[in-house]
PDB file of N, CA and C in Angstrom:
ATOM      1  N   MET A   1     -29.965 -26.262 -67.203  1.00  0.00           N
ATOM      2  CA  MET A   1     -30.355 -24.832 -67.139  1.00  0.00           C
ATOM      3  C   MET A   1     -29.769 -24.236 -65.907  1.00  0.00           C
ATOM      4  N   SER A   2     -29.160 -22.999 -66.002  1.00  0.00           N
ATOM      5  CA  SER A   2     -28.655 -22.350 -64.881  1.00  0.00           C
ATOM      6  C   SER A   2     -29.531 -21.228 -64.338  1.00  0.00           C
ATOM      7  N   ASP A   3     -29.399 -20.917 -63.050  1.00  0.00           N
ATOM      8  CA  ASP A   3     -30.146 -19.850 -62.383  1.00  0.00           C
ATOM      9  C   ASP A   3     -29.384 -18.521 -62.534  1.00  0.00           C
ATOM     10  N   LEU A   4     -28.336 -18.498 -63.266  1.00  0.00           N
ATOM     11  CA  LEU A   4     -27.516 -17.272 -63.435  1.00  0.00           C
ATOM     12  C   LEU A   4     -28.349 -16.255 -64.246  1.00  0.00           C
ATOM     13  N   PRO A   5     -28.164 -14.993 -64.010  1.00  0.00           N
ATOM     14  CA  PRO A   5     -28.901 -13.986 -64.766  1.00  0.00           C
ATOM     15  C   PRO A   5     -28.319 -13.807 -66.178  1.00  0.00           C
ATOM     16  N   PRO A   6     -29.056 -13.244 -67.091  1.00  0.00           N
ATOM     17  CA  PRO A   6     -28.516 -12.863 -68.435  1.00  0.00           C
ATOM     18  C   PRO A   6     -27.206 -12.056 -68.280  1.00  0.00           C
ATOM     19  N   THR A   7     -26.292 -12.227 -69.110  1.00  0.00           N
ATOM     20  CA  THR A   7     -24.982 -11.626 -69.018  1.00  0.00           C
ATOM     21  C   THR A   7     -24.523 -10.867 -70.299  1.00  0.00           C
ATOM     22  N   TYR A   8     -23.869  -9.752 -70.046  1.00  0.00           N
ATOM     23  CA  TYR A   8     -23.421  -8.970 -71.146  1.00  0.00           C
ATOM     24  C   TYR A   8     -21.901  -8.828 -71.105  1.00  0.00           C
ATOM     25  N   PHE A   9     -21.285  -9.108 -72.250  1.00  0.00           N
ATOM     26  CA  PHE A   9     -19.842  -8.943 -72.374  1.00  0.00           C
ATOM     27  C   PHE A   9     -19.477  -7.933 -73.414  1.00  0.00           C
ATOM     28  N   CYS A  10     -18.621  -7.064 -73.132  1.00  0.00           N
ATOM     29  CA  CYS A  10     -18.125  -6.109 -74.045  1.00  0.00           C
ATOM     30  C   CYS A  10     -16.577  -6.012 -73.931  1.00  0.00           C
ATOM     31  N   TYR A  11     -15.894  -6.343 -74.933  1.00  0.00           N
ATOM     32  CA  TYR A  11     -14.431  -6.365 -74.888  1.00  0.00           C
ATOM     33  C   TYR A  11     -13.847  -6.017 -76.194  1.00  0.00           C
ATOM     34  N   GLY A  12     -12.591  -5.647 -76.165  1.00  0.00           N
ATOM     35  CA  GLY A  12     -11.821  -5.376 -77.321  1.00  0.00           C
ATOM     36  C   GLY A  12     -10.993  -6.535 -77.894  1.00  0.00           C
ATOM     37  N   THR A  13     -10.873  -6.671 -79.091  1.00  0.00           N
ATOM     38  CA  THR A  13     -10.215  -7.816 -79.741  1.00  0.00           C
ATOM     39  C   THR A  13      -8.706  -7.822 -79.314  1.00  0.00           C
ATOM     40  N   ARG A  14      -8.126  -6.684 -78.847  1.00  0.00           N
ATOM     41  CA  ARG A  14      -6.745  -6.664 -78.531  1.00  0.00           C
ATOM     42  C   ARG A  14      -6.529  -6.711 -77.000  1.00  0.00           C
ATOM     43  N   ASP A  15      -7.591  -6.958 -76.258  1.00  0.00           N
ATOM     44  CA  ASP A  15      -7.557  -7.135 -74.734  1.00  0.00           C
ATOM     45  C   ASP A  15      -6.707  -8.423 -74.483  1.00  0.00           C
ATOM     46  N   PRO A  16      -5.879  -8.356 -73.531  1.00  0.00           N
ATOM     47  CA  PRO A  16      -5.093  -9.600 -73.308  1.00  0.00           C
ATOM     48  C   PRO A  16      -5.847 -10.767 -72.755  1.00  0.00           C
ATOM     49  N   PHE A  17      -7.185 -10.534 -72.325  1.00  0.00           N
ATOM     50  CA  PHE A  17      -7.924 -11.578 -71.805  1.00  0.00           C
ATOM     51  C   PHE A  17      -9.064 -12.083 -72.751  1.00  0.00           C
ATOM     52  N   VAL A  18      -8.889 -11.859 -73.997  1.00  0.00           N
ATOM     53  CA  VAL A  18      -9.827 -12.282 -75.039  1.00  0.00           C
ATOM     54  C   VAL A  18     -10.255 -13.775 -74.895  1.00  0.00           C
ATOM     55  N   ARG A  19      -9.169 -14.616 -74.818  1.00  0.00           N
ATOM     56  CA  ARG A  19      -9.452 -16.067 -74.726  1.00  0.00           C
ATOM     57  C   ARG A  19     -10.250 -16.395 -73.459  1.00  0.00           C
ATOM     58  N   GLU A  20      -9.953 -15.674 -72.343  1.00  0.00           N
ATOM     59  CA  GLU A  20     -10.720 -15.993 -71.123  1.00  0.00           C
ATOM     60  C   GLU A  20     -12.128 -15.504 -71.257  1.00  0.00           C
ATOM     61  N   PHE A  21     -12.382 -14.355 -71.851  1.00  0.00           N
ATOM     62  CA  PHE A  21     -13.776 -13.903 -72.111  1.00  0.00           C
ATOM     63  C   PHE A  21     -14.516 -14.878 -72.976  1.00  0.00           C
ATOM     64  N   GLU A  22     -13.894 -15.377 -74.019  1.00  0.00           N
ATOM     65  CA  GLU A  22     -14.539 -16.260 -74.971  1.00  0.00           C
ATOM     66  C   GLU A  22     -14.878 -17.595 -74.271  1.00  0.00           C
ATOM     67  N   ALA A  23     -13.981 -18.065 -73.428  1.00  0.00           N
ATOM     68  CA  ALA A  23     -14.185 -19.327 -72.701  1.00  0.00           C
ATOM     69  C   ALA A  23     -15.341 -19.142 -71.726  1.00  0.00           C
ATOM     70  N   CYS A  24     -15.344 -17.980 -71.092  1.00  0.00           N
ATOM     71  CA  CYS A  24     -16.512 -17.793 -70.159  1.00  0.00           C
ATOM     72  C   CYS A  24     -17.831 -17.680 -70.885  1.00  0.00           C
ATOM     73  N   ILE A  25     -17.860 -16.996 -71.962  1.00  0.00           N
ATOM     74  CA  ILE A  25     -19.044 -16.859 -72.833  1.00  0.00           C
ATOM     75  C   ILE A  25     -19.561 -18.212 -73.247  1.00  0.00           C
ATOM     76  N   GLU A  26     -18.638 -19.027 -73.765  1.00  0.00           N
ATOM     77  CA  GLU A  26     -18.952 -20.380 -74.168  1.00  0.00           C
ATOM     78  C   GLU A  26     -19.584 -21.209 -73.020  1.00  0.00           C
ATOM     79  N   ALA A  27     -18.906 -21.148 -71.912  1.00  0.00           N
ATOM     80  CA  ALA A  27     -19.398 -21.942 -70.699  1.00  0.00           C
ATOM     81  C   ALA A  27     -20.798 -21.462 -70.285  1.00  0.00           C
ATOM     82  N   LEU A  28     -21.047 -20.154 -70.211  1.00  0.00           N
ATOM     83  CA  LEU A  28     -22.311 -19.633 -69.866  1.00  0.00           C
ATOM     84  C   LEU A  28     -23.413 -20.055 -70.897  1.00  0.00           C
ATOM     85  N   GLN A  29     -23.063 -20.033 -72.187  1.00  0.00           N
ATOM     86  CA  GLN A  29     -24.020 -20.396 -73.248  1.00  0.00           C
ATOM     87  C   GLN A  29     -24.298 -21.973 -73.133  1.00  0.00           C
ATOM     88  N   GLU A  30     -23.327 -22.692 -72.845  1.00  0.00           N
ATOM     89  CA  GLU A  30     -23.532 -24.158 -72.685  1.00  0.00           C
ATOM     90  C   GLU A  30     -24.455 -24.433 -71.423  1.00  0.00           C
ATOM     91  N   ALA A  31     -24.399 -23.521 -70.468  1.00  0.00           N
ATOM     92  CA  ALA A  31     -25.238 -23.728 -69.239  1.00  0.00           C
ATOM     93  C   ALA A  31     -26.565 -23.140 -69.472  1.00  0.00           C
ATOM     94  N   GLY A  32     -26.861 -22.589 -70.654  1.00  0.00           N
ATOM     95  CA  GLY A  32     -28.203 -22.085 -70.939  1.00  0.00           C
ATOM     96  C   GLY A  32     -28.440 -20.646 -70.537  1.00  0.00           C
ATOM     97  N   VAL A  33     -27.358 -19.851 -70.192  1.00  0.00           N
ATOM     98  CA  VAL A  33     -27.476 -18.576 -69.746  1.00  0.00           C
ATOM     99  C   VAL A  33     -27.550 -17.587 -71.029  1.00  0.00           C
ATOM    100  N   PRO A  34     -28.528 -16.740 -71.048  1.00  0.00           N
ATOM    101  CA  PRO A  34     -28.540 -15.787 -72.187  1.00  0.00           C
ATOM    102  C   PRO A  34     -27.330 -14.834 -72.097  1.00  0.00           C
ATOM    103  N   VAL A  35     -26.557 -14.783 -73.201  1.00  0.00           N
ATOM    104  CA  VAL A  35     -25.425 -14.004 -73.265  1.00  0.00           C
ATOM    105  C   VAL A  35     -25.433 -13.023 -74.429  1.00  0.00           C
ATOM    106  N   GLU A  36     -25.234 -11.720 -74.191  1.00  0.00           N
ATOM    107  CA  GLU A  36     -25.066 -10.711 -75.260  1.00  0.00           C
ATOM    108  C   GLU A  36     -23.605 -10.455 -75.331  1.00  0.00           C
ATOM    109  N   VAL A  37     -23.083 -10.391 -76.530  1.00  0.00           N
ATOM    110  CA  VAL A  37     -21.642 -10.080 -76.721  1.00  0.00           C
ATOM    111  C   VAL A  37     -21.413  -8.914 -77.677  1.00  0.00           C
ATOM    112  N   ASP A  38     -20.637  -7.973 -77.198  1.00  0.00           N
ATOM    113  CA  ASP A  38     -20.312  -6.811 -78.050  1.00  0.00           C
ATOM    114  C   ASP A  38     -18.776  -6.756 -78.138  1.00  0.00           C
ATOM    115  N   VAL A  39     -18.241  -7.116 -79.293  1.00  0.00           N
ATOM    116  CA  VAL A  39     -16.826  -7.186 -79.504  1.00  0.00           C
ATOM    117  C   VAL A  39     -16.405  -5.876 -80.267  1.00  0.00           C
ATOM    118  N   LEU A  40     -15.431  -5.244 -79.612  1.00  0.00           N
ATOM    119  CA  LEU A  40     -14.876  -3.976 -80.220  1.00  0.00           C
ATOM    120  C   LEU A  40     -13.569  -4.283 -81.020  1.00  0.00           C
ATOM    121  N   GLU A  41     -13.731  -4.285 -82.345  1.00  0.00           N
ATOM    122  CA  GLU A  41     -12.591  -4.672 -83.183  1.00  0.00           C
ATOM    123  C   GLU A  41     -11.400  -3.732 -82.952  1.00  0.00           C
ATOM    124  N   GLY A  42     -10.260  -4.338 -82.742  1.00  0.00           N
ATOM    125  CA  GLY A  42      -8.951  -3.613 -82.671  1.00  0.00           C
ATOM    126  C   GLY A  42      -8.763  -2.825 -81.310  1.00  0.00           C
ATOM    127  N   ARG A  43      -9.647  -2.967 -80.365  1.00  0.00           N
ATOM    128  CA  ARG A  43      -9.573  -2.154 -79.192  1.00  0.00           C
ATOM    129  C   ARG A  43      -8.823  -2.962 -78.027  1.00  0.00           C
ATOM    130  N   LEU A  44      -8.125  -2.223 -77.213  1.00  0.00           N
ATOM    131  CA  LEU A  44      -7.532  -2.849 -76.001  1.00  0.00           C
ATOM    132  C   LEU A  44      -8.574  -2.687 -74.915  1.00  0.00           C
ATOM    133  N   TYR A  45      -8.188  -3.019 -73.721  1.00  0.00           N
ATOM    134  CA  TYR A  45      -9.020  -2.839 -72.524  1.00  0.00           C
ATOM    135  C   TYR A  45      -9.031  -1.321 -72.218  1.00  0.00           C
ATOM    136  N   GLY A  46      -9.970  -0.902 -71.401  1.00  0.00           N
ATOM    137  CA  GLY A  46      -9.951   0.529 -70.960  1.00  0.00           C
ATOM    138  C   GLY A  46     -10.426   1.438 -72.146  1.00  0.00           C
ATOM    139  N   TYR A  47     -11.241   1.005 -73.013  1.00  0.00           N
ATOM    140  CA  TYR A  47     -11.706   1.886 -74.114  1.00  0.00           C
ATOM    141  C   TYR A  47     -12.693   2.884 -73.809  1.00  0.00           C
ATOM    142  N   GLY A  48     -13.176   2.897 -72.546  1.00  0.00           N
ATOM    143  CA  GLY A  48     -14.109   3.939 -72.068  1.00  0.00           C
ATOM    144  C   GLY A  48     -15.409   3.950 -72.803  1.00  0.00           C
ATOM    145  N   TYR A  49     -16.051   5.125 -72.917  1.00  0.00           N
ATOM    146  CA  TYR A  49     -17.357   5.218 -73.456  1.00  0.00           C
ATOM    147  C   TYR A  49     -17.350   5.560 -74.946  1.00  0.00           C
ATOM    148  N   ALA A  50     -16.180   5.781 -75.553  1.00  0.00           N
ATOM    149  CA  ALA A  50     -16.089   6.276 -76.802  1.00  0.00           C
ATOM    150  C   ALA A  50     -16.466   5.340 -77.992  1.00  0.00           C
ATOM    151  N   GLU A  51     -16.652   4.104 -77.732  1.00  0.00           N
ATOM    152  CA  GLU A  51     -16.966   3.104 -78.785  1.00  0.00           C
ATOM    153  C   GLU A  51     -18.400   2.920 -78.992  1.00  0.00           C
ATOM    154  N   GLY A  52     -19.311   3.605 -78.461  1.00  0.00           N
ATOM    155  CA  GLY A  52     -20.750   3.498 -78.621  1.00  0.00           C
ATOM    156  C   GLY A  52     -21.379   2.251 -77.995  1.00  0.00           C
ATOM    157  N   TRP A  53     -20.674   1.607 -77.144  1.00  0.00           N
ATOM    158  CA  TRP A  53     -21.207   0.395 -76.538  1.00  0.00           C
ATOM    159  C   TRP A  53     -22.236   0.696 -75.476  1.00  0.00           C
ATOM    160  N   ILE A  54     -22.186   1.849 -74.833  1.00  0.00           N
ATOM    161  CA  ILE A  54     -23.070   2.150 -73.716  1.00  0.00           C
ATOM    162  C   ILE A  54     -24.602   2.126 -74.165  1.00  0.00           C
ATOM    163  N   PRO A  55     -24.976   2.778 -75.263  1.00  0.00           N
ATOM    164  CA  PRO A  55     -26.369   2.737 -75.673  1.00  0.00           C
ATOM    165  C   PRO A  55     -26.863   1.207 -75.969  1.00  0.00           C
ATOM    166  N   ALA A  56     -25.956   0.490 -76.535  1.00  0.00           N
ATOM    167  CA  ALA A  56     -26.293  -0.945 -76.764  1.00  0.00           C
ATOM    168  C   ALA A  56     -26.490  -1.772 -75.392  1.00  0.00           C
ATOM    169  N   TYR A  57     -25.632  -1.434 -74.487  1.00  0.00           N
ATOM    170  CA  TYR A  57     -25.742  -2.048 -73.187  1.00  0.00           C
ATOM    171  C   TYR A  57     -26.957  -1.625 -72.476  1.00  0.00           C
ATOM    172  N   ALA A  58     -27.276  -0.315 -72.548  1.00  0.00           N
ATOM    173  CA  ALA A  58     -28.531   0.276 -71.924  1.00  0.00           C
ATOM    174  C   ALA A  58     -29.793  -0.410 -72.488  1.00  0.00           C
ATOM    175  N   GLU A  59     -29.778  -0.537 -73.776  1.00  0.00           N
ATOM    176  CA  GLU A  59     -30.971  -1.171 -74.436  1.00  0.00           C
ATOM    177  C   GLU A  59     -31.148  -2.614 -73.929  1.00  0.00           C
ATOM    178  N   TRP A  60     -30.035  -3.330 -73.926  1.00  0.00           N
ATOM    179  CA  TRP A  60     -30.022  -4.695 -73.523  1.00  0.00           C
ATOM    180  C   TRP A  60     -30.478  -4.832 -72.060  1.00  0.00           C
ATOM    181  N   LEU A  61     -29.968  -3.995 -71.162  1.00  0.00           N
ATOM    182  CA  LEU A  61     -30.353  -3.990 -69.769  1.00  0.00           C
ATOM    183  C   LEU A  61     -31.854  -3.650 -69.592  1.00  0.00           C
ATOM    184  N   GLU A  62     -32.352  -2.635 -70.347  1.00  0.00           N
ATOM    185  CA  GLU A  62     -33.733  -2.301 -70.252  1.00  0.00           C
ATOM    186  C   GLU A  62     -34.596  -3.440 -70.672  1.00  0.00           C
ATOM    187  N   ASN A  63     -34.204  -4.224 -71.648  1.00  0.00           N
ATOM    188  CA  ASN A  63     -34.955  -5.383 -72.126  1.00  0.00           C
ATOM    189  C   ASN A  63     -34.912  -6.525 -71.096  1.00  0.00           C
ATOM    190  N   VAL A  64     -33.811  -6.704 -70.412  1.00  0.00           N
ATOM    191  CA  VAL A  64     -33.715  -7.696 -69.418  1.00  0.00           C
ATOM    192  C   VAL A  64     -34.708  -7.403 -68.220  1.00  0.00           C
ATOM    193  N   PHE A  65     -34.708  -6.095 -67.791  1.00  0.00           N
ATOM    194  CA  PHE A  65     -35.675  -5.792 -66.780  1.00  0.00           C
ATOM    195  C   PHE A  65     -37.155  -5.812 -67.204  1.00  0.00           C
ATOM    196  N   ALA A  66     -37.366  -5.464 -68.389  1.00  0.00           N
ATOM    197  CA  ALA A  66     -38.752  -5.393 -68.960  1.00  0.00           C
ATOM    198  C   ALA A  66     -39.313  -6.825 -69.108  1.00  0.00           C
ATOM    199  N   ASN A  67     -38.442  -7.837 -69.298  1.00  0.00           N
ATOM    200  CA  ASN A  67     -38.854  -9.150 -69.461  1.00  0.00           C
ATOM    201  C   ASN A  67     -38.848 -10.039 -68.207  1.00  0.00           C
ATOM    202  N   ASN A  68     -38.610  -9.429 -67.038  1.00  0.00           N
ATOM    203  CA  ASN A  68     -38.532 -10.138 -65.830  1.00  0.00           C
ATOM    204  C   ASN A  68     -39.580  -9.656 -64.859  1.00  0.00           C
TER     205      ASN A  68
END
């Protein structure tokens, strides 16, 4: 079990670092770190706020703080 905090990943499937994100997510999960993943289908990096991910992230973050 790791002492790392819960982690949130949000990335687009056309981002050039998709494989690196997925490897990092897998490593964190194997270490027992809670990981939330939000994959934006067909998006590149730099997608900004337009994809609706901010409310999901805010809810996740509020839950992290509420449970600690």
